[in-house]
Protein backbone atom coordinates (compact mmCIF):
# COMPACT_ATOMS: atom_id res chain seq x y z
CA MET A 1 -9.00 -20.77 10.90
CA GLN A 2 -9.24 -18.89 14.18
CA THR A 3 -6.96 -19.63 17.11
CA ASN A 4 -6.33 -18.09 20.49
CA MET A 5 -3.19 -16.19 21.47
CA HIS A 6 -1.74 -18.95 23.66
CA GLU A 7 -2.10 -21.61 20.98
CA ALA A 8 -0.71 -19.22 18.33
CA LYS A 9 2.47 -18.71 20.39
CA SER A 10 3.13 -22.43 20.50
CA LYS A 11 2.12 -23.13 16.87
CA LEU A 12 3.33 -19.99 15.09
CA SER A 13 5.38 -21.85 12.49
CA TYR A 14 2.40 -24.04 11.58
CA LEU A 15 0.08 -21.02 11.36
CA VAL A 16 2.54 -19.18 9.11
CA ASP A 17 2.64 -22.21 6.81
CA LEU A 18 -1.16 -22.18 6.63
CA ALA A 19 -1.24 -18.45 5.86
CA THR A 20 1.35 -18.74 3.09
CA ALA A 21 -0.67 -21.61 1.61
CA GLY A 22 -3.70 -19.31 1.31
CA GLU A 23 -5.58 -20.19 4.49
CA GLN A 24 -7.15 -17.32 6.43
CA VAL A 25 -5.54 -17.34 9.89
CA ILE A 26 -7.01 -15.13 12.61
CA ILE A 27 -5.55 -14.86 16.09
CA ALA A 28 -8.00 -14.00 18.87
CA LYS A 29 -7.47 -12.63 22.35
CA ALA A 30 -10.11 -13.68 24.89
CA GLY A 31 -12.24 -14.94 22.00
CA VAL A 32 -12.16 -11.59 20.18
CA PRO A 33 -10.36 -11.57 16.80
CA CYS A 34 -7.29 -9.30 16.99
CA VAL A 35 -5.00 -9.93 14.03
CA GLN A 36 -4.93 -11.75 10.74
CA LEU A 37 -1.84 -13.46 9.34
CA THR A 38 -1.26 -12.75 5.67
CA PRO A 39 1.67 -13.64 3.42
CA TYR A 40 4.24 -10.94 2.73
CA VAL A 41 4.16 -9.56 -0.81
CA ALA A 42 7.32 -7.76 -1.89
CA PRO A 43 6.65 -4.37 -3.49
CA ALA A 44 7.23 -4.10 -7.21
CA ARG A 45 10.63 -2.73 -8.16
CA ARG A 46 10.69 0.68 -9.74
CA VAL A 47 12.21 0.83 -13.18
CA PHE A 48 14.07 4.04 -13.98
CA GLY A 49 12.83 5.55 -17.21
CA GLN A 50 9.73 3.39 -17.47
CA PHE A 51 7.64 6.32 -18.72
CA LYS A 52 10.17 7.62 -21.24
CA GLY A 53 8.35 8.57 -24.41
CA LYS A 54 4.93 8.18 -22.74
CA VAL A 55 4.72 11.55 -20.98
CA SER A 56 4.87 14.92 -22.64
CA MET A 57 4.40 18.53 -21.59
CA ASN A 58 4.01 21.79 -23.37
CA ALA A 59 7.11 23.83 -24.08
CA ASP A 60 5.65 26.72 -22.08
CA PHE A 61 4.85 24.67 -18.95
CA ASP A 62 6.96 27.05 -16.83
CA SER A 63 6.19 30.32 -18.60
CA ASN A 64 5.30 33.48 -16.72
CA GLN A 65 1.78 33.39 -18.18
CA THR A 66 1.17 29.80 -17.04
CA ASN A 67 2.47 30.59 -13.56
CA GLN A 68 0.25 33.67 -13.39
CA ASP A 69 -2.79 31.63 -14.49
CA ILE A 70 -2.15 29.14 -11.69
CA THR A 71 -1.68 31.91 -9.15
CA ASP A 72 -4.93 33.51 -10.27
CA MET A 73 -6.84 30.23 -9.93
CA PHE A 74 -5.71 29.72 -6.34
CA GLU A 75 -6.21 33.32 -5.28
CA GLN A 76 -9.84 33.21 -6.42
CA SER A 77 -10.61 30.07 -4.40
CA VAL A 78 -9.40 31.52 -1.07
């Protein structure tokens, strides 16, 4: 459904109901589509420790040799 700005101001509640029901609602200004109403979707909650036991790293991840290897890689690319 496409509606103009003036009509949207007077029927906002109705348009929001349509959008939350799955209808595509576009608001136009001077006949040119400007915005689209979409339902709000809450972001997923983060769970502390959700990757425990799923991620591993080498024991030498912070060794001098590893750090030097990384430094060497980036110095060559410059």
